[in-house]
Structures are given as C-alpha cells and as structure tokens.
C-alpha cells in the first residue's frame, strides 16, 4: 500500500488544487477582475470566433464539473476515500487535472493561445488516463460513482470537444480563415470529435458521463452555427447528428451491458476489464 497517497496530506493537497482551479474559473469568468474567456486572447475563444466554437450556453457545464470537483476533493478527507486503492491510483491525476485547468485559464488570460493548446492537450491526456484507471478499479459505492466517474467523465467529455475548439481558435488566430470548402473541413473535424465520443462509449461499454458531455459540446456547436456570426446549416446538421449518435451509442451499450452478466473488476490494473 502506498501510504503517501492515502494520507491526510494528499487529501489536503487535492482540496488545495481544486480550490485553485475553482478560483481560476472565477477569474476566467471576469468575476474577480480577470477578462472573461470569451473576450481574452483577442476574442479567439468566443462563440463566433471559429466554425467549431460552441454557443455560449455550452459553458454552463463547468458549473456541474466544478461542483463535482469540489465534492470529490472534500470526499478525499473521509476514511473510505483515503484508504481506497482506486482513489490512491486516481488522486495524483485528479490533482494534475485541476492544476492544468487553472494553467489553461491563465494561458488564455495572458493571450498565449499556443500555450493553451499545449495545456489542454496535456489535460486531455491526464483525463484519458483517469478513464483507464476508473475502468481498472471497481467503484466503492454510489458516492464514488457519482463524484469520481460522474465528475471526471463529464470533465473528459467536455475537454474532448474543448480541445477541438481550442485548436480551431489557434488556427484562426494564425490567419487561417475562411477558405473554399471550409464547411466540409469543419464538418470533418466535428465527425472526428463525434467518432472519439463513440470510441470512448464502445471502449467503456456505455459510460454515460463522457458521452453526455461530448454530445452536449457538439450540440452547442450546432446551436452556434444557427445563431451566431458564423452560420452554417451544414455544420449545424453534422454536429447535431454527431451528438445524437454519440449519446445513442452510449445508451444502447449501457442497456446491453445491464442485460449481460457483470464481469468483476479487481483491486489492481492487471485485473481491469478489457
């Protein structure tokens, strides 16, 4: 047993990291004197900046994610979480995800779009690793499923779509604007994002939280293309259909998994469900 990650110290560090992330979110909203993300970096991440930018309402998902992160961090103080092999495997990655989120906000505040892409790519890798670990270790009850699987599943799904939007913002800021066939190119990227969402659903046999967040992001890209400065019926339809496919795939796989005998998961990665 690794007593270091099961100690009070690491539980406290988790709380501090999440607090830093949440404080950064207030700065990113403009509430604490920072520039709102939509206006920072010359407006590169605004809802009308690129064909792949989600509509403004999409970002309300952060309220749910931050509430989940706060609950997860506080739960680390309880003996069940501190002694859990699952949480010991996840805790350092959770801390990294919170700090990377804060770093992303600051990189955008400072107008460092290239830096923001590097940071969000690192964040995506961390969250993918967390998904692998969540698959490897069985959750310890409903609270674990809600605070761990639910929170970081939504986090991963949203960051998947946000990474696409962030890269699009960087290319637009670099001067790669509208060109012949741009709607087809943007639609292809949307399909790719939807394909990643489907792939996660298949790999995890129907985890709903990542699929819901990917579908949410794609749906808001559709909304942004029918109600904004960069309207495109083609992209709106592709994004809407992709969102529906991701969600339906996850739901159907989830229902199929419930109808089949469950396969027990062990206490170490070697016993993961493949």
Foldseek 3Di string as FASTA:
>chain_A
DPLVLLDPVLLVLLLVLLVLLVVLVCLCCCNVPFDPLCPFLPNLQHLFNFLLRFHPVLVVVVVVLSVLSNLLSVCSNDNVLSPALLNSVLSVLSSLLSNLSSVLSVCRSVNNLVVNLVSLVVSLVSLVVNLLSPQQADADDDVSCCSRVQNSLLVNLQSLSVSLSSVRSVVVVVPPGDDVCVLVVLLVVLLVSLVVLLVVLVVSQQSQRSLLNNLSSLQRSLVSQCPHDNHDNSSNVSSNVSSVVSNVSNVVSVVVQVVDDDDDHDSDNVRGDD
